[in-house]
Amino acid sequence: MRTRGLLSCLLLLGAAAGVQPVSGLPATPDGQHAFDFEIGTWKTHLRRLKGPLTGSTTWVEYEGTSVVTKVWNGRANLVELDVRGPAGHIEGLSLRLYNPEARQWSLNFANSAAGTLTPPVFGEFRNGRGEFYGSDTLAGRAILVRFVITVLDASTARFEQAFSNDGGKSWEVNWIATDTRVPNAA
């Protein structure tokens, strides 16, 4: 019950921050197949802010792939991210799990360099936009995390992560990935 209260608070913070829904995803009655659009192989262009919440304006770029595999008939999926750029190599893994009681998803991410899962973000798709909120720590400080997924068209999706260290009053975007579907990829 405590998790639901925190989630409700975080979702309200998103609404208060002026997050506006956009169209693009088909409506699903309960959300359990909200990620079906993403199953397959994608070319990924990633921009990552160096030193989030430090005043940094330096972005680094990566190119690579994301492969999304359906699990549990669409009630879960696994994302394998493999990108490289001048700043190095990122291998990431995201396990997304659908909770039928809450009708929400948890997004759980791990980077191979750390080998552990970050705290999950929780949320759902509404009006074609996925919004997910959670809490984490950065440099020993408690922060809020917002992850937004927007389907731009049938073959393009955008993923954006932002951090807040002021309780959701302001957000700093630190991760922007644009995925383009690889046609006929097995």
C-alpha atoms as a PDB file:
ATOM      1  CA  MET A   1       0.000   0.000   0.000  1.00  0.00           C
ATOM      2  CA  ARG A   2       2.896   2.349   0.758  1.00  0.00           C
ATOM      3  CA  THR A   3       4.250   1.892  -2.789  1.00  0.00           C
ATOM      4  CA  ARG A   4       0.868   2.861  -4.265  1.00  0.00           C
ATOM      5  CA  GLY A   5       0.797   6.031  -2.165  1.00  0.00           C
ATOM      6  CA  LEU A   6       4.293   6.989  -3.324  1.00  0.00           C
ATOM      7  CA  LEU A   7       3.367   6.206  -6.915  1.00  0.00           C
ATOM      8  CA  SER A   8       0.220   8.327  -6.735  1.00  0.00           C
ATOM      9  CA  CYS A   9       2.287  11.192  -5.325  1.00  0.00           C
ATOM     10  CA  LEU A  10       4.870  10.835  -8.096  1.00  0.00           C
ATOM     11  CA  LEU A  11       2.187  10.716 -10.794  1.00  0.00           C
ATOM     12  CA  LEU A  12       0.642  13.876  -9.379  1.00  0.00           C
ATOM     13  CA  LEU A  13       4.075  15.516  -9.499  1.00  0.00           C
ATOM     14  CA  GLY A  14       4.213  14.722 -13.214  1.00  0.00           C
ATOM     15  CA  ALA A  15       0.830  16.327 -13.784  1.00  0.00           C
ATOM     16  CA  ALA A  16       1.844  19.359 -11.713  1.00  0.00           C
ATOM     17  CA  ALA A  17       5.027  19.696 -13.780  1.00  0.00           C
ATOM     18  CA  GLY A  18       2.875  20.259 -16.853  1.00  0.00           C
ATOM     19  CA  VAL A  19       3.535  16.913 -18.540  1.00  0.00           C
ATOM     20  CA  GLN A  20       1.129  16.773 -21.502  1.00  0.00           C
ATOM     21  CA  PRO A  21       0.020  13.484 -23.096  1.00  0.00           C
ATOM     22  CA  VAL A  22       0.438  12.935 -26.824  1.00  0.00           C
ATOM     23  CA  SER A  23      -1.237  10.442 -29.126  1.00  0.00           C
ATOM     24  CA  GLY A  24       0.489   7.611 -30.952  1.00  0.00           C
ATOM     25  CA  LEU A  25      -0.216   4.337 -29.198  1.00  0.00           C
ATOM     26  CA  PRO A  26      -3.355   2.284 -29.595  1.00  0.00           C
ATOM     27  CA  ALA A  27      -5.582   2.330 -26.523  1.00  0.00           C
ATOM     28  CA  THR A  28      -5.570  -0.856 -24.470  1.00  0.00           C
ATOM     29  CA  PRO A  29      -8.253  -1.503 -21.864  1.00  0.00           C
ATOM     30  CA  ASP A  30      -5.873  -2.498 -19.089  1.00  0.00           C
ATOM     31  CA  GLY A  31      -2.397  -1.646 -20.382  1.00  0.00           C
ATOM     32  CA  GLN A  32      -0.890  -5.113 -20.279  1.00  0.00           C
ATOM     33  CA  HIS A  33       0.025  -4.972 -23.975  1.00  0.00           C
ATOM     34  CA  ALA A  34       1.136  -1.328 -23.994  1.00  0.00           C
ATOM     35  CA  PHE A  35       4.678  -2.281 -25.013  1.00  0.00           C
ATOM     36  CA  ASP A  36       3.701  -4.632 -27.851  1.00  0.00           C
ATOM     37  CA  PHE A  37       4.532  -1.865 -30.366  1.00  0.00           C
ATOM     38  CA  GLU A  38       8.184  -2.126 -29.345  1.00  0.00           C
ATOM     39  CA  ILE A  39       8.832  -5.837 -29.830  1.00  0.00           C
ATOM     40  CA  GLY A  40      11.661  -6.268 -32.335  1.00  0.00           C
ATOM     41  CA  THR A  41      15.017  -4.773 -33.265  1.00  0.00           C
ATOM     42  CA  TRP A  42      15.698  -1.041 -33.277  1.00  0.00           C
ATOM     43  CA  LYS A  43      18.563   1.219 -34.321  1.00  0.00           C
ATOM     44  CA  THR A  44      19.270   3.476 -31.332  1.00  0.00           C
ATOM     45  CA  HIS A  45      20.731   6.975 -31.214  1.00  0.00           C
ATOM     46  CA  LEU A  46      21.430   7.939 -27.605  1.00  0.00           C
ATOM     47  CA  ARG A  47      22.386  11.290 -26.074  1.00  0.00           C
ATOM     48  CA  ARG A  48      23.477  11.257 -22.423  1.00  0.00           C
ATOM     49  CA  LEU A  49      24.206  14.278 -20.222  1.00  0.00           C
ATOM     50  CA  LYS A  50      27.534  13.990 -18.408  1.00  0.00           C
ATOM     51  CA  GLY A  51      27.229  14.876 -14.735  1.00  0.00           C
ATOM     52  CA  PRO A  52      23.459  15.166 -14.221  1.00  0.00           C
ATOM     53  CA  LEU A  53      22.320  17.749 -11.649  1.00  0.00           C
ATOM     54  CA  THR A  54      25.775  19.373 -11.525  1.00  0.00           C
ATOM     55  CA  GLY A  55      25.133  22.188 -13.988  1.00  0.00           C
ATOM     56  CA  SER A  56      26.836  20.270 -16.789  1.00  0.00           C
ATOM     57  CA  THR A  57      25.808  21.068 -20.361  1.00  0.00           C
ATOM     58  CA  THR A  58      28.069  18.437 -21.953  1.00  0.00           C
ATOM     59  CA  TRP A  59      26.256  15.737 -23.881  1.00  0.00           C
ATOM     60  CA  VAL A  60      27.826  12.549 -25.253  1.00  0.00           C
ATOM     61  CA  GLU A  61      26.362  10.525 -28.113  1.00  0.00           C
ATOM     62  CA  TYR A  62      26.140   6.831 -28.874  1.00  0.00           C
ATOM     63  CA  GLU A  63      24.861   4.641 -31.714  1.00  0.00           C
ATOM     64  CA  GLY A  64      23.801   1.023 -31.547  1.00  0.00           C
ATOM     65  CA  THR A  65      20.815  -1.248 -31.172  1.00  0.00           C
ATOM     66  CA  SER A  66      17.977  -2.138 -28.849  1.00  0.00           C
ATOM     67  CA  VAL A  67      16.377  -5.558 -29.071  1.00  0.00           C
ATOM     68  CA  VAL A  68      13.023  -5.961 -27.320  1.00  0.00           C
ATOM     69  CA  THR A  69      11.704  -9.452 -26.589  1.00  0.00           C
ATOM     70  CA  LYS A  70       8.165 -10.233 -25.454  1.00  0.00           C
ATOM     71  CA  VAL A  71       7.842 -12.305 -22.277  1.00  0.00           C
ATOM     72  CA  TRP A  72       4.711 -13.722 -20.598  1.00  0.00           C
ATOM     73  CA  ASN A  73       2.501 -13.044 -23.638  1.00  0.00           C
ATOM     74  CA  GLY A  74       3.244  -9.317 -23.484  1.00  0.00           C
ATOM     75  CA  ARG A  75       2.842  -8.822 -19.749  1.00  0.00           C
ATOM     76  CA  ALA A  76       6.615  -8.406 -19.533  1.00  0.00           C
ATOM     77  CA  ASN A  77       9.464  -7.682 -21.901  1.00  0.00           C
ATOM     78  CA  LEU A  78      13.214  -7.555 -21.940  1.00  0.00           C
ATOM     79  CA  VAL A  79      15.200  -4.777 -23.620  1.00  0.00           C
ATOM     80  CA  GLU A  80      18.858  -5.317 -24.529  1.00  0.00           C
ATOM     81  CA  LEU A  81      20.647  -2.031 -25.261  1.00  0.00           C
ATOM     82  CA  ASP A  82      24.108  -2.035 -26.883  1.00  0.00           C
ATOM     83  CA  VAL A  83      25.508   1.372 -27.890  1.00  0.00           C
ATOM     84  CA  ARG A  84      28.978   2.814 -28.523  1.00  0.00           C
ATOM     85  CA  GLY A  85      30.348   6.302 -28.911  1.00  0.00           C
ATOM     86  CA  PRO A  86      33.379   8.490 -28.194  1.00  0.00           C
ATOM     87  CA  ALA A  87      32.544   8.309 -24.460  1.00  0.00           C
ATOM     88  CA  GLY A  88      32.594   4.504 -24.464  1.00  0.00           C
ATOM     89  CA  HIS A  89      30.269   1.529 -24.562  1.00  0.00           C
ATOM     90  CA  ILE A  90      26.969   1.039 -22.744  1.00  0.00           C
ATOM     91  CA  GLU A  91      25.350  -2.349 -22.350  1.00  0.00           C
ATOM     92  CA  GLY A  92      22.000  -2.002 -20.647  1.00  0.00           C
ATOM     93  CA  LEU A  93      19.195  -4.347 -19.791  1.00  0.00           C
ATOM     94  CA  SER A  94      15.664  -3.318 -18.941  1.00  0.00           C
ATOM     95  CA  LEU A  95      13.129  -5.732 -17.506  1.00  0.00           C
ATOM     96  CA  ARG A  96       9.609  -4.326 -17.721  1.00  0.00           C
ATOM     97  CA  LEU A  97       6.916  -6.024 -15.674  1.00  0.00           C
ATOM     98  CA  TYR A  98       3.162  -5.495 -15.788  1.00  0.00           C
ATOM     99  CA  ASN A  99       1.200  -5.556 -12.519  1.00  0.00           C
ATOM    100  CA  PRO A 100      -2.391  -6.540 -13.426  1.00  0.00           C
ATOM    101  CA  GLU A 101      -3.797  -5.461 -10.049  1.00  0.00           C
ATOM    102  CA  ALA A 102      -2.375  -1.926 -10.286  1.00  0.00           C
ATOM    103  CA  ARG A 103      -2.643  -1.885 -14.101  1.00  0.00           C
ATOM    104  CA  GLN A 104       0.822  -0.354 -14.189  1.00  0.00           C
ATOM    105  CA  TRP A 105       4.296  -1.246 -15.318  1.00  0.00           C
ATOM    106  CA  SER A 106       7.600  -1.242 -13.465  1.00  0.00           C
ATOM    107  CA  LEU A 107      10.713  -0.490 -15.507  1.00  0.00           C
ATOM    108  CA  ASN A 108      13.838  -2.028 -14.025  1.00  0.00           C
ATOM    109  CA  PHE A 109      17.228  -1.092 -15.551  1.00  0.00           C
ATOM    110  CA  ALA A 110      20.734  -2.507 -15.184  1.00  0.00           C
ATOM    111  CA  ASN A 111      23.992  -1.373 -16.765  1.00  0.00           C
ATOM    112  CA  SER A 112      26.578  -4.131 -17.263  1.00  0.00           C
ATOM    113  CA  ALA A 113      29.275  -1.875 -15.754  1.00  0.00           C
ATOM    114  CA  ALA A 114      27.467  -1.826 -12.388  1.00  0.00           C
ATOM    115  CA  GLY A 115      25.825  -5.247 -12.601  1.00  0.00           C
ATOM    116  CA  THR A 116      22.877  -4.277 -10.399  1.00  0.00           C
ATOM    117  CA  LEU A 117      19.325  -3.099 -10.989  1.00  0.00           C
ATOM    118  CA  THR A 118      18.492   0.538 -10.362  1.00  0.00           C
ATOM    119  CA  PRO A 119      15.331   1.238  -8.336  1.00  0.00           C
ATOM    120  CA  PRO A 120      12.323   0.804 -10.648  1.00  0.00           C
ATOM    121  CA  VAL A 121      10.139   3.530 -12.042  1.00  0.00           C
ATOM    122  CA  PHE A 122       6.373   2.902 -12.122  1.00  0.00           C
ATOM    123  CA  GLY A 123       3.641   4.108 -14.431  1.00  0.00           C
ATOM    124  CA  GLU A 124       1.493   3.515 -17.456  1.00  0.00           C
ATOM    125  CA  PHE A 125       0.563   4.666 -20.921  1.00  0.00           C
ATOM    126  CA  ARG A 126      -2.196   7.249 -21.225  1.00  0.00           C
ATOM    127  CA  ASN A 127      -3.247   8.876 -24.467  1.00  0.00           C
ATOM    128  CA  GLY A 128      -0.264   7.378 -26.266  1.00  0.00           C
ATOM    129  CA  ARG A 129       2.416   8.505 -23.826  1.00  0.00           C
ATOM    130  CA  GLY A 130       4.127   6.370 -21.230  1.00  0.00           C
ATOM    131  CA  GLU A 131       5.078   8.157 -18.020  1.00  0.00           C
ATOM    132  CA  PHE A 132       6.975   6.424 -15.246  1.00  0.00           C
ATOM    133  CA  TYR A 133       8.164   7.860 -11.917  1.00  0.00           C
ATOM    134  CA  GLY A 134      10.350   6.657  -9.088  1.00  0.00           C
ATOM    135  CA  SER A 135      13.026   7.634  -6.632  1.00  0.00           C
ATOM    136  CA  ASP A 136      16.754   6.986  -6.564  1.00  0.00           C
ATOM    137  CA  THR A 137      19.940   8.514  -5.198  1.00  0.00           C
ATOM    138  CA  LEU A 138      22.626  10.442  -7.043  1.00  0.00           C
ATOM    139  CA  ALA A 139      25.898  11.337  -5.320  1.00  0.00           C
ATOM    140  CA  GLY A 140      24.290  10.328  -2.020  1.00  0.00           C
ATOM    141  CA  ARG A 141      21.261  12.641  -2.454  1.00  0.00           C
ATOM    142  CA  ALA A 142      17.669  11.498  -2.827  1.00  0.00           C
ATOM    143  CA  ILE A 143      16.239  12.385  -6.241  1.00  0.00           C
ATOM    144  CA  LEU A 144      13.109  11.726  -8.268  1.00  0.00           C
ATOM    145  CA  VAL A 145      13.298  10.025 -11.659  1.00  0.00           C
ATOM    146  CA  ARG A 146      10.908  10.502 -14.573  1.00  0.00           C
ATOM    147  CA  PHE A 147      11.003   8.306 -17.680  1.00  0.00           C
ATOM    148  CA  VAL A 148       8.822   9.208 -20.665  1.00  0.00           C
ATOM    149  CA  ILE A 149       8.194   7.074 -23.755  1.00  0.00           C
ATOM    150  CA  THR A 150       6.649   8.683 -26.816  1.00  0.00           C
ATOM    151  CA  VAL A 151       5.795   6.835 -30.018  1.00  0.00           C
ATOM    152  CA  LEU A 152       6.466   9.278 -32.836  1.00  0.00           C
ATOM    153  CA  ASP A 153       5.179   6.998 -35.618  1.00  0.00           C
ATOM    154  CA  ALA A 154       4.976   3.272 -36.470  1.00  0.00           C
ATOM    155  CA  SER A 155       8.757   2.978 -36.764  1.00  0.00           C
ATOM    156  CA  THR A 156      10.127   5.641 -34.381  1.00  0.00           C
ATOM    157  CA  ALA A 157      10.002   6.012 -30.597  1.00  0.00           C
ATOM    158  CA  ARG A 158      11.651   8.437 -28.166  1.00  0.00           C
ATOM    159  CA  PHE A 159      12.783   7.654 -24.622  1.00  0.00           C
ATOM    160  CA  GLU A 160      13.620  10.447 -22.202  1.00  0.00           C
ATOM    161  CA  GLN A 161      14.888  10.283 -18.635  1.00  0.00           C
ATOM    162  CA  ALA A 162      14.983  13.283 -16.304  1.00  0.00           C
ATOM    163  CA  PHE A 163      16.043  13.819 -12.689  1.00  0.00           C
ATOM    164  CA  SER A 164      14.678  16.215 -10.078  1.00  0.00           C
ATOM    165  CA  ASN A 165      16.413  17.165  -6.852  1.00  0.00           C
ATOM    166  CA  ASP A 166      13.716  19.627  -5.749  1.00  0.00           C
ATOM    167  CA  GLY A 167      10.760  17.296  -5.245  1.00  0.00           C
ATOM    168  CA  GLY A 168       9.535  17.503  -8.860  1.00  0.00           C
ATOM    169  CA  LYS A 169       9.353  21.294  -9.174  1.00  0.00           C
ATOM    170  CA  SER A 170      11.922  21.167 -11.964  1.00  0.00           C
ATOM    171  CA  TRP A 171      13.354  18.374 -14.097  1.00  0.00           C
ATOM    172  CA  GLU A 172      16.702  18.052 -15.862  1.00  0.00           C
ATOM    173  CA  VAL A 173      16.677  15.741 -18.883  1.00  0.00           C
ATOM    174  CA  ASN A 174      19.798  13.558 -18.928  1.00  0.00           C
ATOM    175  CA  TRP A 175      19.062  10.696 -21.355  1.00  0.00           C
ATOM    176  CA  ILE A 176      17.396  10.919 -24.770  1.00  0.00           C
ATOM    177  CA  ALA A 177      17.204   7.873 -27.019  1.00  0.00           C
ATOM    178  CA  THR A 178      15.541   7.818 -30.401  1.00  0.00           C
ATOM    179  CA  ASP A 179      14.842   4.330 -31.726  1.00  0.00           C
ATOM    180  CA  THR A 180      14.083   3.536 -35.360  1.00  0.00           C
ATOM    181  CA  ARG A 181      12.710   0.107 -36.207  1.00  0.00           C
ATOM    182  CA  VAL A 182      14.994  -2.152 -38.221  1.00  0.00           C
ATOM    183  CA  PRO A 183      12.746  -3.581 -40.963  1.00  0.00           C
ATOM    184  CA  ASN A 184      12.509  -7.360 -41.293  1.00  0.00           C
ATOM    185  CA  ALA A 185      14.919  -8.008 -38.420  1.00  0.00           C
ATOM    186  CA  ALA A 186      14.626 -11.488 -36.979  1.00  0.00           C
END
